[in-house]
Structure formats: C-alpha cells, structure tokens
Amino acid sequence: MELKDFGKYIRGKSVDKLLHRARKSSLGRILASQKELMVSTRRLPAAKRATGTK
C-alpha cells in the first residue's frame, strides 16, 4: 500500500479500532498457519529408527 493510500485508509478512524482490526487479522493468519502445520505433520509417515540408535 502506498503512503498516499494509507493516509486515506486511516483518515477518520480511531487508533483503537485500527489496532483491533490489525490484531484480529494477525491472529487469523497465525491460527491458519498453525492449522496448516498440524495438517501437514499428520500426513508425514513416522520416521523409522535405525537399528542400534536410542
């Protein structure tokens, strides 16, 4: 986003609302990433141990 567009975006909005929206968006991305990681680890087969290792 260009600085000019950002200025239009924040005009008339409170800092509290902007922070709330940013945190909510960030949390959504974090949870989606976590969910994706959990799905991908379930699909991987268990690694076989080499004989003689602990």
PDB file of N, CA and C in Angstrom:
ATOM      1  N   MET A   1       0.854  -1.162   0.000  1.00  0.00           N
ATOM      2  CA  MET A   1       0.000   0.000   0.000  1.00  0.00           C
ATOM      3  C   MET A   1       0.906   1.232   0.000  1.00  0.00           C
ATOM      4  N   GLU A   2       0.593   2.145  -0.860  1.00  0.00           N
ATOM      5  CA  GLU A   2       1.377   3.371  -0.933  1.00  0.00           C
ATOM      6  C   GLU A   2       0.995   4.304   0.218  1.00  0.00           C
ATOM      7  N   LEU A   3       1.906   5.201   0.543  1.00  0.00           N
ATOM      8  CA  LEU A   3       1.694   6.121   1.654  1.00  0.00           C
ATOM      9  C   LEU A   3       0.436   6.964   1.450  1.00  0.00           C
ATOM     10  N   LYS A   4       0.200   7.372   0.219  1.00  0.00           N
ATOM     11  CA  LYS A   4      -0.976   8.178  -0.096  1.00  0.00           C
ATOM     12  C   LYS A   4      -2.257   7.393   0.205  1.00  0.00           C
ATOM     13  N   ASP A   5      -2.279   6.127  -0.208  1.00  0.00           N
ATOM     14  CA  ASP A   5      -3.441   5.268   0.040  1.00  0.00           C
ATOM     15  C   ASP A   5      -3.604   4.983   1.529  1.00  0.00           C
ATOM     16  N   PHE A   6      -2.500   4.832   2.225  1.00  0.00           N
ATOM     17  CA  PHE A   6      -2.550   4.572   3.657  1.00  0.00           C
ATOM     18  C   PHE A   6      -3.151   5.766   4.396  1.00  0.00           C
ATOM     19  N   GLY A   7      -2.803   6.957   3.964  1.00  0.00           N
ATOM     20  CA  GLY A   7      -3.364   8.162   4.560  1.00  0.00           C
ATOM     21  C   GLY A   7      -4.875   8.213   4.413  1.00  0.00           C
ATOM     22  N   LYS A   8      -5.373   7.804   3.248  1.00  0.00           N
ATOM     23  CA  LYS A   8      -6.820   7.750   3.029  1.00  0.00           C
ATOM     24  C   LYS A   8      -7.455   6.670   3.900  1.00  0.00           C
ATOM     25  N   TYR A   9      -6.747   5.566   4.073  1.00  0.00           N
ATOM     26  CA  TYR A   9      -7.260   4.435   4.853  1.00  0.00           C
ATOM     27  C   TYR A   9      -7.452   4.806   6.318  1.00  0.00           C
ATOM     28  N   ILE A  10      -6.491   5.536   6.901  1.00  0.00           N
ATOM     29  CA  ILE A  10      -6.575   5.835   8.332  1.00  0.00           C
ATOM     30  C   ILE A  10      -7.387   7.094   8.641  1.00  0.00           C
ATOM     31  N   ARG A  11      -7.724   7.848   7.632  1.00  0.00           N
ATOM     32  CA  ARG A  11      -8.462   9.091   7.865  1.00  0.00           C
ATOM     33  C   ARG A  11      -9.831   8.795   8.491  1.00  0.00           C
ATOM     34  N   GLY A  12     -10.101   9.453   9.617  1.00  0.00           N
ATOM     35  CA  GLY A  12     -11.390   9.328  10.272  1.00  0.00           C
ATOM     36  C   GLY A  12     -11.556   8.089  11.133  1.00  0.00           C
ATOM     37  N   LYS A  13     -10.505   7.283  11.293  1.00  0.00           N
ATOM     38  CA  LYS A  13     -10.608   6.068  12.111  1.00  0.00           C
ATOM     39  C   LYS A  13      -9.789   6.251  13.385  1.00  0.00           C
ATOM     40  N   SER A  14     -10.273   5.683  14.464  1.00  0.00           N
ATOM     41  CA  SER A  14      -9.536   5.793  15.715  1.00  0.00           C
ATOM     42  C   SER A  14      -8.385   4.784  15.735  1.00  0.00           C
ATOM     43  N   VAL A  15      -7.372   5.112  16.507  1.00  0.00           N
ATOM     44  CA  VAL A  15      -6.213   4.230  16.634  1.00  0.00           C
ATOM     45  C   VAL A  15      -6.627   2.900  17.260  1.00  0.00           C
ATOM     46  N   ASP A  16      -7.541   2.956  18.226  1.00  0.00           N
ATOM     47  CA  ASP A  16      -8.011   1.725  18.876  1.00  0.00           C
ATOM     48  C   ASP A  16      -8.664   0.773  17.875  1.00  0.00           C
ATOM     49  N   LYS A  17      -9.501   1.311  17.001  1.00  0.00           N
ATOM     50  CA  LYS A  17     -10.162   0.465  16.005  1.00  0.00           C
ATOM     51  C   LYS A  17      -9.153  -0.107  15.013  1.00  0.00           C
ATOM     52  N   LEU A  18      -8.188   0.704  14.601  1.00  0.00           N
ATOM     53  CA  LEU A  18      -7.172   0.225  13.664  1.00  0.00           C
ATOM     54  C   LEU A  18      -6.324  -0.883  14.294  1.00  0.00           C
ATOM     55  N   LEU A  19      -5.941  -0.700  15.562  1.00  0.00           N
ATOM     56  CA  LEU A  19      -5.166  -1.729  16.249  1.00  0.00           C
ATOM     57  C   LEU A  19      -5.975  -3.010  16.433  1.00  0.00           C
ATOM     58  N   HIS A  20      -7.235  -2.868  16.790  1.00  0.00           N
ATOM     59  CA  HIS A  20      -8.093  -4.042  16.969  1.00  0.00           C
ATOM     60  C   HIS A  20      -8.203  -4.832  15.664  1.00  0.00           C
ATOM     61  N   ARG A  21      -8.411  -4.125  14.577  1.00  0.00           N
ATOM     62  CA  ARG A  21      -8.535  -4.778  13.273  1.00  0.00           C
ATOM     63  C   ARG A  21      -7.229  -5.463  12.870  1.00  0.00           C
ATOM     64  N   ALA A  22      -6.094  -4.808  13.132  1.00  0.00           N
ATOM     65  CA  ALA A  22      -4.790  -5.387  12.794  1.00  0.00           C
ATOM     66  C   ALA A  22      -4.502  -6.628  13.631  1.00  0.00           C
ATOM     67  N   ARG A  23      -4.817  -6.566  14.923  1.00  0.00           N
ATOM     68  CA  ARG A  23      -4.593  -7.720  15.793  1.00  0.00           C
ATOM     69  C   ARG A  23      -5.483  -8.890  15.397  1.00  0.00           C
ATOM     70  N   LYS A  24      -6.713  -8.603  15.063  1.00  0.00           N
ATOM     71  CA  LYS A  24      -7.654  -9.649  14.656  1.00  0.00           C
ATOM     72  C   LYS A  24      -7.172 -10.323  13.363  1.00  0.00           C
ATOM     73  N   SER A  25      -6.702  -9.520  12.434  1.00  0.00           N
ATOM     74  CA  SER A  25      -6.188 -10.047  11.180  1.00  0.00           C
ATOM     75  C   SER A  25      -4.940 -10.902  11.417  1.00  0.00           C
ATOM     76  N   SER A  26      -4.057 -10.414  12.267  1.00  0.00           N
ATOM     77  CA  SER A  26      -2.837 -11.135  12.588  1.00  0.00           C
ATOM     78  C   SER A  26      -3.143 -12.471  13.261  1.00  0.00           C
ATOM     79  N   LEU A  27      -4.072 -12.464  14.200  1.00  0.00           N
ATOM     80  CA  LEU A  27      -4.467 -13.697  14.880  1.00  0.00           C
ATOM     81  C   LEU A  27      -5.037 -14.700  13.879  1.00  0.00           C
ATOM     82  N   GLY A  28      -5.821 -14.224  12.945  1.00  0.00           N
ATOM     83  CA  GLY A  28      -6.382 -15.099  11.916  1.00  0.00           C
ATOM     84  C   GLY A  28      -5.300 -15.773  11.094  1.00  0.00           C
ATOM     85  N   ARG A  29      -4.267 -15.004  10.724  1.00  0.00           N
ATOM     86  CA  ARG A  29      -3.162 -15.577   9.944  1.00  0.00           C
ATOM     87  C   ARG A  29      -2.367 -16.576  10.766  1.00  0.00           C
ATOM     88  N   ILE A  30      -2.150 -16.275  12.042  1.00  0.00           N
ATOM     89  CA  ILE A  30      -1.403 -17.180  12.920  1.00  0.00           C
ATOM     90  C   ILE A  30      -2.156 -18.498  13.083  1.00  0.00           C
ATOM     91  N   LEU A  31      -3.450 -18.428  13.335  1.00  0.00           N
ATOM     92  CA  LEU A  31      -4.242 -19.638  13.517  1.00  0.00           C
ATOM     93  C   LEU A  31      -4.325 -20.458  12.236  1.00  0.00           C
ATOM     94  N   ALA A  32      -4.432 -19.794  11.099  1.00  0.00           N
ATOM     95  CA  ALA A  32      -4.471 -20.514   9.823  1.00  0.00           C
ATOM     96  C   ALA A  32      -3.152 -21.220   9.572  1.00  0.00           C
ATOM     97  N   SER A  33      -2.058 -20.570   9.890  1.00  0.00           N
ATOM     98  CA  SER A  33      -0.741 -21.177   9.715  1.00  0.00           C
ATOM     99  C   SER A  33      -0.571 -22.364  10.647  1.00  0.00           C
ATOM    100  N   GLN A  34      -1.019 -22.223  11.876  1.00  0.00           N
ATOM    101  CA  GLN A  34      -0.913 -23.307  12.846  1.00  0.00           C
ATOM    102  C   GLN A  34      -1.737 -24.511  12.385  1.00  0.00           C
ATOM    103  N   LYS A  35      -2.929 -24.253  11.890  1.00  0.00           N
ATOM    104  CA  LYS A  35      -3.799 -25.320  11.408  1.00  0.00           C
ATOM    105  C   LYS A  35      -3.146 -26.038  10.223  1.00  0.00           C
ATOM    106  N   GLU A  36      -2.532 -25.269   9.324  1.00  0.00           N
ATOM    107  CA  GLU A  36      -1.857 -25.830   8.161  1.00  0.00           C
ATOM    108  C   GLU A  36      -0.685 -26.712   8.593  1.00  0.00           C
ATOM    109  N   LEU A  37       0.058 -26.280   9.596  1.00  0.00           N
ATOM    110  CA  LEU A  37       1.185 -27.072  10.094  1.00  0.00           C
ATOM    111  C   LEU A  37       0.710 -28.384  10.713  1.00  0.00           C
ATOM    112  N   MET A  38      -0.382 -28.327  11.444  1.00  0.00           N
ATOM    113  CA  MET A  38      -0.906 -29.532  12.075  1.00  0.00           C
ATOM    114  C   MET A  38      -1.358 -30.544  11.026  1.00  0.00           C
ATOM    115  N   VAL A  39      -1.987 -30.077   9.970  1.00  0.00           N
ATOM    116  CA  VAL A  39      -2.444 -30.963   8.905  1.00  0.00           C
ATOM    117  C   VAL A  39      -1.253 -31.579   8.184  1.00  0.00           C
ATOM    118  N   SER A  40      -0.227 -30.781   7.912  1.00  0.00           N
ATOM    119  CA  SER A  40       0.925 -31.299   7.173  1.00  0.00           C
ATOM    120  C   SER A  40       1.732 -32.294   8.007  1.00  0.00           C
ATOM    121  N   THR A  41       1.788 -32.138   9.323  1.00  0.00           N
ATOM    122  CA  THR A  41       2.541 -33.087  10.142  1.00  0.00           C
ATOM    123  C   THR A  41       1.794 -34.402  10.278  1.00  0.00           C
ATOM    124  N   ARG A  42       0.490 -34.393  10.193  1.00  0.00           N
ATOM    125  CA  ARG A  42      -0.279 -35.638  10.259  1.00  0.00           C
ATOM    126  C   ARG A  42      -0.068 -36.482   9.014  1.00  0.00           C
ATOM    127  N   ARG A  43       0.179 -35.862   7.897  1.00  0.00           N
ATOM    128  CA  ARG A  43       0.331 -36.588   6.637  1.00  0.00           C
ATOM    129  C   ARG A  43       1.687 -37.261   6.501  1.00  0.00           C
ATOM    130  N   LEU A  44       2.675 -36.780   7.237  1.00  0.00           N
ATOM    131  CA  LEU A  44       4.010 -37.359   7.127  1.00  0.00           C
ATOM    132  C   LEU A  44       4.063 -38.706   7.833  1.00  0.00           C
ATOM    133  N   PRO A  45       4.629 -39.715   7.191  1.00  0.00           N
ATOM    134  CA  PRO A  45       4.744 -41.001   7.851  1.00  0.00           C
ATOM    135  C   PRO A  45       5.793 -40.910   8.974  1.00  0.00           C
ATOM    136  N   ALA A  46       5.620 -41.769   9.962  1.00  0.00           N
ATOM    137  CA  ALA A  46       6.568 -41.772  11.078  1.00  0.00           C
ATOM    138  C   ALA A  46       7.932 -42.245  10.580  1.00  0.00           C
ATOM    139  N   ALA A  47       8.967 -41.582  11.042  1.00  0.00           N
ATOM    140  CA  ALA A  47      10.324 -41.940  10.636  1.00  0.00           C
ATOM    141  C   ALA A  47      10.713 -43.259  11.299  1.00  0.00           C
ATOM    142  N   LYS A  48      11.357 -44.114  10.529  1.00  0.00           N
ATOM    143  CA  LYS A  48      11.810 -45.395  11.081  1.00  0.00           C
ATOM    144  C   LYS A  48      13.152 -45.188  11.751  1.00  0.00           C
ATOM    145  N   ARG A  49      13.322 -45.833  12.875  1.00  0.00           N
ATOM    146  CA  ARG A  49      14.600 -45.729  13.571  1.00  0.00           C
ATOM    147  C   ARG A  49      15.605 -46.679  12.959  1.00  0.00           C
ATOM    148  N   ALA A  50      16.829 -46.264  12.960  1.00  0.00           N
ATOM    149  CA  ALA A  50      17.911 -47.139  12.526  1.00  0.00           C
ATOM    150  C   ALA A  50      18.230 -48.091  13.679  1.00  0.00           C
ATOM    151  N   THR A  51      18.604 -49.285  13.354  1.00  0.00           N
ATOM    152  CA  THR A  51      18.928 -50.280  14.363  1.00  0.00           C
ATOM    153  C   THR A  51      20.131 -49.821  15.173  1.00  0.00           C
ATOM    154  N   GLY A  52      20.013 -49.946  16.483  1.00  0.00           N
ATOM    155  CA  GLY A  52      21.126 -49.598  17.349  1.00  0.00           C
ATOM    156  C   GLY A  52      21.126 -48.160  17.823  1.00  0.00           C
ATOM    157  N   THR A  53      20.099 -47.395  17.489  1.00  0.00           N
ATOM    158  CA  THR A  53      20.045 -45.997  17.959  1.00  0.00           C
ATOM    159  C   THR A  53      19.051 -45.894  19.091  1.00  0.00           C
ATOM    160  N   LYS A  54      19.211 -44.879  19.881  1.00  0.00           N
ATOM    161  CA  LYS A  54      18.301 -44.671  21.013  1.00  0.00           C
ATOM    162  C   LYS A  54      17.257 -43.678  20.689  1.00  0.00           C
TER     163      LYS A  54
END
